[in-house]
Every structure is written in structure tokens, then in C-alpha cells.
């Protein structure tokens, strides 16, 4: 009888400890910058395979979209983390205390596209295009000012607005259109049967970090352990998504975004790997998410020259390298 009581007591203690551990999980809401897709795969993977839970986190992913102001929700305190980029430089210039704590994409997937038979050989040669079909954000604050400041022959005269319909590009054999490495080439080939030429701007000198993890400065100051656990778990999620079984993550992506297809997901993952979007540069030896002060400074200086940023911004307030470049998850990487 005494042994039974001891056994029951021990079971109660164990159950209580486990319940306490579960209850201790920190609830975190993470906002993405668009509808669920493979470009968000590592975060969905960390939910699906329990990596966030292993790190004591109960993570809810709030997908973005055309009318989802997730960046503003981060500032307002309704999100804990947001999938942003180097736009925190602009935020700091306006006194908004948000900070980038990890750079998941070492290369921005922004591309320019041309027809396969067009006589263009490199980025500079695209100045000979009949039209440049660009989004309005790129026209004023993205790569377009950089191109005009660093290469001859580019001007706003050839600009036409990009409405996310590739028909004007498809119809004109000398047109050039902007796009996303993992998206527009797939859709254009699906519609036409031919693969467009791809010019990844990151491979020609336009090298901002992208798909970064942003949070508020107050969270970094008050709970750096939470930030570290979210960053580490997200990094491991990305390794597992790229190199492991990502079926469950893709199921979650398609649940959030029913219009997403298996073909699009497979294409996106293949391009992320082929072009080293996630794993290249410092990330190859120091882990996914790595970023350096030198690269932040170089990008800022480049965009000051292009007229995008004013000189004199204290960009050290826009990012922190304290949570990355620690080799987290490197053992999960696999040679392709």
C-alpha cells in the first residue's frame, strides 16, 4: 500500500511538472509580410514539427496580405515579431523603436525578368528595354533609384506600373518586368510555356537583407531570452524546412492560403536553394539568419548615394547582431 501511494504521488509530481512546463510556454504572435507561401516555410515548419514548443514558445502565425498592416501591428504592440527587412532604417529615422534581430534571407529575391530571346546579357544591358514594368514602391524607395544612380541609361521615361498581371510583359518581347525569384517566373512559364530570363538584383550589387525578423526595442531590452529563443527556433525551422521533411509545414501553408499549390511551393523551394537566398555568405559558416554591421552600413551608404535615405541616420538603432551568427542549426544543413 505504501508503494502504491509513493507511485501515485510520484505520478502526480511528474504530471504537475509537465503541466507546469506546458503552462510556462510564452505566447508569441508573429506576423508575415504576405499570404502564406514557401518564403515563410521555416516559420511554419517550426510550428508544425514542434521546434517552437521545444523552445518554450506557443507561436501563432498571422499571415499578411494586401490589406494586412502587420508592420503597423508590431509597432502598436499587437504582434511580438514581424517578418520585415532593412526598412527598420526608415523606422529609426522617424523615431519608431523597432529593430531587426535576424536576417533569414541573405539575398533579396527581387528580380528583373526578360524574354528568353531578348538581346540582354546582364543587368546594365536592360537599359535597352522598351519598357520597365515596376511596382510603385520600387520606383521611389527600392532598387530603381539604386539602378539609376549606378548604371547609365535608366530613367523614369520607360516606367510602366506593375499591376501583378504579367500580360503586358508577355505581349512585348523587349519589355522588362520586376518580380520575385520564387513567384513570377513560375507563373509566366505556366502561362506561356517558356521560361523568362532572370536577373537576381542581389547578384549585381543590390544586396539588402530580406525576410528578416523584426521586433520592438522594448522586447529586446526587457526579454532578450524570448528574442533569442524565437530567433534560434526559427533558424532551426528553416534548416528543417529546406533540408528535412516539410510536408506538415506545407500543409499548414495551404491551410492558411488555400490558393497555394504544391507546384508553386516546390518551385519556390528549388529557387531558394539554387540561388543561395537563405544559405550563402556568412550564413554558410555562421548559420541562417546571420548579419553583420559592415553589410548594414554598406547598404545604407549605397542608398544614401541613391537618394533613398538621408545622411546622418544612426542605423545602429535599426538592428542588433546579438542574437545571430552563432552557428545554430548548422549540423542540420545538407549538401545538395
Protein backbone atom coordinates (compact mmCIF):
# COMPACT_ATOMS: atom_id res chain seq x y z
CA UNK A 1 0.00 0.00 0.00
CA UNK A 2 2.83 2.34 0.88
CA UNK A 3 4.49 1.64 -2.51
CA UNK A 4 1.23 2.37 -4.32
CA UNK A 5 0.91 5.69 -2.51
CA UNK A 6 4.51 6.51 -3.44
CA UNK A 7 3.84 5.61 -7.06
CA UNK A 8 0.70 7.71 -7.20
CA UNK A 9 2.48 10.62 -5.51
CA UNK A 10 5.36 10.38 -7.95
CA UNK A 11 2.96 10.32 -10.90
CA UNK A 12 1.20 13.40 -9.58
CA UNK A 13 4.52 15.20 -9.21
CA UNK A 14 5.61 14.25 -12.73
CA UNK A 15 2.27 15.25 -14.21
CA UNK A 16 2.39 18.51 -12.31
CA UNK A 17 5.90 19.24 -13.57
CA UNK A 18 4.88 18.54 -17.16
CA UNK A 19 1.74 20.64 -16.81
CA UNK A 20 3.81 23.42 -15.33
CA UNK A 21 6.26 23.24 -18.23
CA UNK A 22 3.40 23.42 -20.73
CA UNK A 23 1.82 26.32 -18.89
CA UNK A 24 5.13 28.14 -18.87
CA UNK A 25 5.24 28.42 -22.65
CA UNK A 26 5.42 32.01 -23.80
CA UNK A 27 2.68 33.01 -26.20
CA UNK A 28 4.10 34.75 -29.25
CA UNK A 29 2.36 36.21 -32.29
CA UNK A 30 4.42 36.50 -35.46
CA UNK A 31 3.20 38.42 -38.49
CA UNK A 32 4.34 37.63 -42.01
CA UNK A 33 4.51 40.13 -44.84
CA UNK A 34 2.23 38.32 -47.30
CA UNK A 35 -0.13 35.39 -47.72
CA UNK A 36 1.32 32.05 -46.62
CA UNK A 37 3.89 30.68 -49.05
CA UNK A 38 7.16 28.77 -49.19
CA UNK A 39 9.05 32.00 -48.49
CA UNK A 40 7.58 31.70 -44.96
CA UNK A 41 8.28 27.99 -44.76
CA UNK A 42 10.75 27.92 -41.89
CA UNK A 43 8.31 29.57 -39.52
CA UNK A 44 5.51 27.18 -40.42
CA UNK A 45 7.98 24.30 -40.09
CA UNK A 46 8.88 25.34 -36.53
CA UNK A 47 5.18 25.30 -35.66
CA UNK A 48 4.48 22.01 -37.42
CA UNK A 49 7.40 19.97 -36.08
CA UNK A 50 7.28 21.30 -32.53
CA UNK A 51 10.51 23.30 -32.63
CA UNK A 52 8.88 26.41 -31.20
CA UNK A 53 7.27 24.31 -28.46
CA UNK A 54 10.65 22.78 -27.67
CA UNK A 55 11.95 26.30 -27.10
CA UNK A 56 9.09 27.12 -24.75
CA UNK A 57 7.10 29.10 -27.27
CA UNK A 58 3.45 28.92 -28.26
CA UNK A 59 3.61 30.68 -31.62
CA UNK A 60 0.68 31.94 -33.65
CA UNK A 61 1.46 32.96 -37.23
CA UNK A 62 -0.65 35.83 -38.53
CA UNK A 63 -0.30 35.89 -42.28
CA UNK A 64 -0.05 39.13 -44.17
CA UNK A 65 -1.77 40.11 -47.37
CA UNK A 66 -2.96 43.12 -49.39
CA UNK A 67 -4.93 44.62 -46.50
CA UNK A 68 -2.93 43.26 -43.53
CA UNK A 69 -0.98 46.05 -41.79
CA UNK A 70 1.28 43.67 -39.87
CA UNK A 71 4.18 46.10 -39.72
CA UNK A 72 1.95 48.66 -38.01
CA UNK A 73 0.54 46.00 -35.70
CA UNK A 74 4.07 45.27 -34.48
CA UNK A 75 4.57 48.93 -33.60
CA UNK A 76 1.16 49.02 -31.90
CA UNK A 77 2.07 46.08 -29.69
CA UNK A 78 -0.40 43.63 -31.24
CA UNK A 79 2.39 41.49 -32.70
CA UNK A 80 5.57 40.39 -30.97
CA UNK A 81 7.62 39.76 -34.12
CA UNK A 82 7.23 40.70 -37.77
CA UNK A 83 8.77 39.42 -40.98
CA UNK A 84 10.29 42.61 -42.30
CA UNK A 85 13.69 43.64 -43.61
CA UNK A 86 16.02 46.61 -43.58
CA UNK A 87 13.12 49.03 -43.52
CA UNK A 88 13.93 49.50 -39.85
CA UNK A 89 16.43 52.10 -41.07
CA UNK A 90 13.50 54.22 -42.20
CA UNK A 91 11.65 53.45 -38.96
CA UNK A 92 14.56 54.69 -36.86
CA UNK A 93 14.75 57.86 -38.93
CA UNK A 94 11.11 58.51 -37.96
CA UNK A 95 11.62 57.68 -34.29
CA UNK A 96 9.85 54.31 -34.39
CA UNK A 97 11.67 51.91 -32.00
CA UNK A 98 11.71 48.65 -33.99
CA UNK A 99 14.82 46.58 -34.54
CA UNK A 100 15.86 43.76 -36.87
CA UNK A 101 17.30 40.81 -34.94
CA UNK A 102 17.90 38.22 -37.69
CA UNK A 103 18.16 38.21 -41.49
CA UNK A 104 16.74 34.94 -42.78
CA UNK A 105 17.26 35.77 -46.47
CA UNK A 106 20.86 36.66 -47.24
CA UNK A 107 19.75 37.69 -50.72
CA UNK A 108 16.68 39.76 -51.52
CA UNK A 109 14.67 37.66 -54.02
CA UNK A 110 13.84 40.77 -56.07
CA UNK A 111 14.43 40.14 -59.78
CA UNK A 112 14.00 41.67 -63.19
CA UNK A 113 12.65 39.46 -65.98
CA UNK A 114 13.16 39.48 -69.73
CA UNK A 115 12.00 37.31 -72.60
CA UNK A 116 14.26 34.33 -73.33
CA UNK A 117 15.18 35.66 -76.79
CA UNK A 118 15.66 39.28 -75.74
CA UNK A 119 19.16 40.65 -76.50
CA UNK A 120 20.04 41.38 -72.87
CA UNK A 121 23.17 39.94 -71.28
CA UNK A 122 23.37 41.50 -67.82
CA UNK A 123 21.60 43.97 -65.58
CA UNK A 124 23.13 47.05 -67.21
CA UNK A 125 22.01 45.93 -70.66
CA UNK A 126 18.36 46.09 -69.55
CA UNK A 127 18.54 49.82 -70.21
CA UNK A 128 17.70 48.86 -73.78
CA UNK A 129 14.26 47.57 -72.79
CA UNK A 130 11.17 49.00 -74.47
CA UNK A 131 9.51 49.46 -71.07
CA UNK A 132 10.30 48.85 -67.39
CA UNK A 133 7.26 47.41 -65.62
CA UNK A 134 7.81 48.19 -61.94
CA UNK A 135 5.88 48.40 -58.70
CA UNK A 136 5.46 51.89 -57.26
CA UNK A 137 7.43 51.01 -54.10
CA UNK A 138 10.45 50.03 -56.20
CA UNK A 139 10.15 53.25 -58.18
CA UNK A 140 10.78 55.50 -55.20
CA UNK A 141 12.42 53.53 -52.39
CA UNK A 142 13.68 50.21 -53.70
CA UNK A 143 16.18 49.06 -56.30
CA UNK A 144 15.19 51.51 -59.08
CA UNK A 145 16.87 54.58 -57.53
CA UNK A 146 19.96 52.40 -56.99
CA UNK A 147 19.98 51.31 -60.64
CA UNK A 148 19.65 54.89 -61.86
CA UNK A 149 22.49 56.03 -59.60
CA UNK A 150 24.93 53.26 -60.53
CA UNK A 151 24.25 52.44 -64.21
CA UNK A 152 23.78 54.53 -67.34
CA UNK A 153 20.65 54.60 -69.44
CA UNK A 154 17.96 54.03 -66.82
CA UNK A 155 15.31 56.71 -66.41
CA UNK A 156 11.69 57.02 -65.43
CA UNK A 157 10.68 57.60 -69.06
CA UNK A 158 10.22 53.87 -69.67
CA UNK A 159 8.35 53.22 -66.44
CA UNK A 160 5.01 51.45 -66.52
CA UNK A 161 3.18 50.38 -63.34
CA UNK A 162 3.18 46.71 -62.43
CA UNK A 163 -0.32 45.52 -61.59
CA UNK A 164 0.68 41.91 -60.80
CA UNK A 165 -0.67 40.88 -64.18
CA UNK A 166 2.14 39.59 -66.46
CA UNK A 167 0.13 40.09 -69.67
CA UNK A 168 1.80 43.41 -70.71
CA UNK A 169 5.22 41.84 -70.21
CA UNK A 170 4.32 38.67 -72.08
CA UNK A 171 2.96 40.67 -75.02
CA UNK A 172 6.12 42.78 -75.54
CA UNK A 173 9.31 40.83 -76.40
CA UNK A 174 11.55 43.73 -75.32
CA UNK A 175 9.75 44.55 -72.08
CA UNK A 176 11.35 44.06 -68.66
CA UNK A 177 9.28 43.35 -65.58
CA UNK A 178 10.12 43.18 -61.92
CA UNK A 179 9.19 40.14 -59.90
CA UNK A 180 10.09 37.78 -57.10
CA UNK A 181 12.52 34.96 -57.82
CA UNK A 182 10.20 32.38 -56.31
CA UNK A 183 6.95 33.58 -57.87
CA UNK A 184 6.62 35.38 -61.23
CA UNK A 185 8.95 33.08 -63.25
CA UNK A 186 6.77 30.11 -62.30
CA UNK A 187 3.54 31.81 -63.28
CA UNK A 188 4.91 33.18 -66.55
CA UNK A 189 6.20 29.78 -67.62
CA UNK A 190 2.91 28.20 -66.61
CA UNK A 191 1.02 30.63 -68.84
CA UNK A 192 3.38 30.72 -71.82
CA UNK A 193 5.44 27.53 -71.83
CA UNK A 194 8.71 29.47 -71.89
CA UNK A 195 11.00 30.38 -69.01
CA UNK A 196 11.96 34.07 -68.76
CA UNK A 197 15.49 35.27 -68.25
CA UNK A 198 16.11 36.00 -64.57
CA UNK A 199 18.31 38.80 -63.23
CA UNK A 200 18.62 38.50 -59.45
CA UNK A 201 19.45 42.02 -58.31
CA UNK A 202 21.37 40.70 -55.31
CA UNK A 203 23.91 39.16 -57.68
CA UNK A 204 24.54 42.55 -59.30
CA UNK A 205 25.22 44.59 -56.17
CA UNK A 206 21.78 45.36 -54.74
CA UNK A 207 22.20 43.43 -51.53
CA UNK A 208 19.79 44.25 -48.70
CA UNK A 209 18.96 41.52 -46.24
CA UNK A 210 15.39 40.31 -46.64
CA UNK A 211 12.71 38.30 -44.85
CA UNK A 212 14.17 39.45 -41.57
CA UNK A 213 12.80 39.12 -38.05
CA UNK A 214 11.80 42.45 -36.52
CA UNK A 215 10.63 43.21 -33.01
CA UNK A 216 10.19 46.23 -30.79
CA UNK A 217 13.17 47.60 -28.92
CA UNK A 218 11.27 47.26 -25.67
CA UNK A 219 11.09 43.46 -26.13
CA UNK A 220 14.82 43.27 -26.83
CA UNK A 221 15.50 45.28 -23.68
CA UNK A 222 13.03 43.58 -21.35
CA UNK A 223 13.10 39.97 -22.58
CA UNK A 224 16.21 39.15 -24.61
CA UNK A 225 15.80 35.47 -23.73
CA UNK A 226 12.45 35.41 -25.52
CA UNK A 227 14.02 37.04 -28.58
CA UNK A 228 16.90 34.55 -28.58
CA UNK A 229 14.59 31.55 -28.32
CA UNK A 230 12.34 32.79 -31.12
CA UNK A 231 15.32 33.51 -33.37
CA UNK A 232 17.01 30.16 -32.65
CA UNK A 233 13.82 28.15 -33.14
CA UNK A 234 13.04 29.98 -36.39
CA UNK A 235 16.54 29.28 -37.70
CA UNK A 236 16.18 25.58 -36.93
CA UNK A 237 12.76 25.66 -38.57
CA UNK A 238 14.35 27.00 -41.73
CA UNK A 239 17.03 24.29 -41.82
CA UNK A 240 14.38 21.62 -41.34
CA UNK A 241 12.13 23.17 -43.97
CA UNK A 242 14.86 23.34 -46.61
CA UNK A 243 16.61 20.04 -45.87
CA UNK A 244 14.12 17.88 -43.98
CA UNK A 245 10.55 16.66 -44.30
CA UNK A 246 8.49 19.80 -44.89
CA UNK A 247 5.17 18.08 -45.63
CA UNK A 248 3.43 19.19 -42.44
CA UNK A 249 4.65 22.77 -42.85
CA UNK A 250 3.37 22.90 -46.41
CA UNK A 251 0.01 21.57 -45.24
CA UNK A 252 -0.19 24.49 -42.79
CA UNK A 253 0.77 26.93 -45.54
CA UNK A 254 -2.00 25.61 -47.79
CA UNK A 255 -4.45 25.71 -44.91
CA UNK A 256 -3.75 29.41 -44.35
CA UNK A 257 -3.61 30.13 -48.09
CA UNK A 258 -5.87 27.68 -49.97
CA UNK A 259 -4.81 29.12 -53.35
CA UNK A 260 -1.24 27.96 -52.84
CA UNK A 261 -0.29 24.91 -54.92
CA UNK A 262 2.22 22.11 -54.46
CA UNK A 263 3.83 23.08 -57.77
CA UNK A 264 4.40 26.67 -56.68
CA UNK A 265 5.81 25.55 -53.33
CA UNK A 266 8.23 23.10 -54.96
CA UNK A 267 9.39 25.77 -57.44
CA UNK A 268 9.94 28.30 -54.67
CA UNK A 269 12.00 25.94 -52.51
CA UNK A 270 14.12 24.95 -55.51
CA UNK A 271 14.89 28.60 -56.32
CA UNK A 272 15.69 29.46 -52.69
CA UNK A 273 18.32 26.72 -52.78
CA UNK A 274 19.61 27.28 -56.33
CA UNK A 275 20.34 30.97 -55.77
CA UNK A 276 21.54 30.71 -52.16
CA UNK A 277 18.83 33.02 -50.93
CA UNK A 278 18.82 31.60 -47.39
CA UNK A 279 22.21 29.91 -47.16
CA UNK A 280 25.04 31.97 -48.64
CA UNK A 281 27.67 34.41 -47.42
CA UNK A 282 28.12 34.46 -43.65
CA UNK A 283 25.18 32.09 -43.25
CA UNK A 284 27.21 29.27 -44.78
CA UNK A 285 29.60 29.15 -41.83
CA UNK A 286 27.77 31.04 -39.07
CA UNK A 287 24.22 29.87 -39.59
CA UNK A 288 20.98 31.02 -41.17
CA UNK A 289 19.96 34.49 -40.01
CA UNK A 290 23.49 35.84 -39.72
CA UNK A 291 24.02 39.53 -40.46
CA UNK A 292 26.90 41.97 -39.99
CA UNK A 293 27.26 45.62 -39.09
CA UNK A 294 29.50 46.11 -42.12
CA UNK A 295 26.82 45.00 -44.56
CA UNK A 296 24.16 47.15 -42.91
CA UNK A 297 26.47 50.15 -43.16
CA UNK A 298 27.41 49.43 -46.79
CA UNK A 299 23.77 49.11 -47.83
CA UNK A 300 22.85 52.31 -46.03
CA UNK A 301 25.72 54.23 -47.65
CA UNK A 302 24.71 52.89 -51.06
CA UNK A 303 21.11 54.01 -50.62
CA UNK A 304 22.15 57.43 -49.33
CA UNK A 305 24.05 57.83 -52.60
CA UNK A 306 20.93 56.74 -54.48
CA UNK A 307 18.86 59.37 -52.67
CA UNK A 308 16.66 56.92 -50.80
CA UNK A 309 17.93 57.70 -47.29
CA UNK A 310 19.16 60.92 -45.77
CA UNK A 311 22.69 61.03 -44.44
CA UNK A 312 23.20 61.04 -40.68
CA UNK A 313 20.74 58.34 -39.59
CA UNK A 314 22.03 56.38 -36.61
CA UNK A 315 21.46 52.98 -38.20
CA UNK A 316 22.93 51.14 -35.20
CA UNK A 317 19.48 51.51 -33.63
CA UNK A 318 17.83 49.67 -36.52
CA UNK A 319 19.40 46.25 -35.95
CA UNK A 320 21.12 44.02 -33.42
CA UNK A 321 23.58 41.26 -34.24
CA UNK A 322 23.49 39.91 -30.67
CA UNK A 323 21.10 37.06 -31.50
CA UNK A 324 22.64 35.60 -34.66
CA UNK A 325 25.86 34.27 -36.24
CA UNK A 326 26.23 31.63 -33.51
CA UNK A 327 26.15 28.56 -35.73
CA UNK A 328 22.70 27.48 -34.57
CA UNK A 329 21.39 24.61 -36.71
CA UNK A 330 24.48 24.25 -38.89
CA UNK A 331 24.51 20.50 -38.21
CA UNK A 332 21.13 20.28 -39.95
CA UNK A 333 22.43 21.62 -43.26
CA UNK A 334 22.83 19.09 -46.04
CA UNK A 335 24.84 19.33 -49.21
CA UNK A 336 22.66 19.38 -52.27
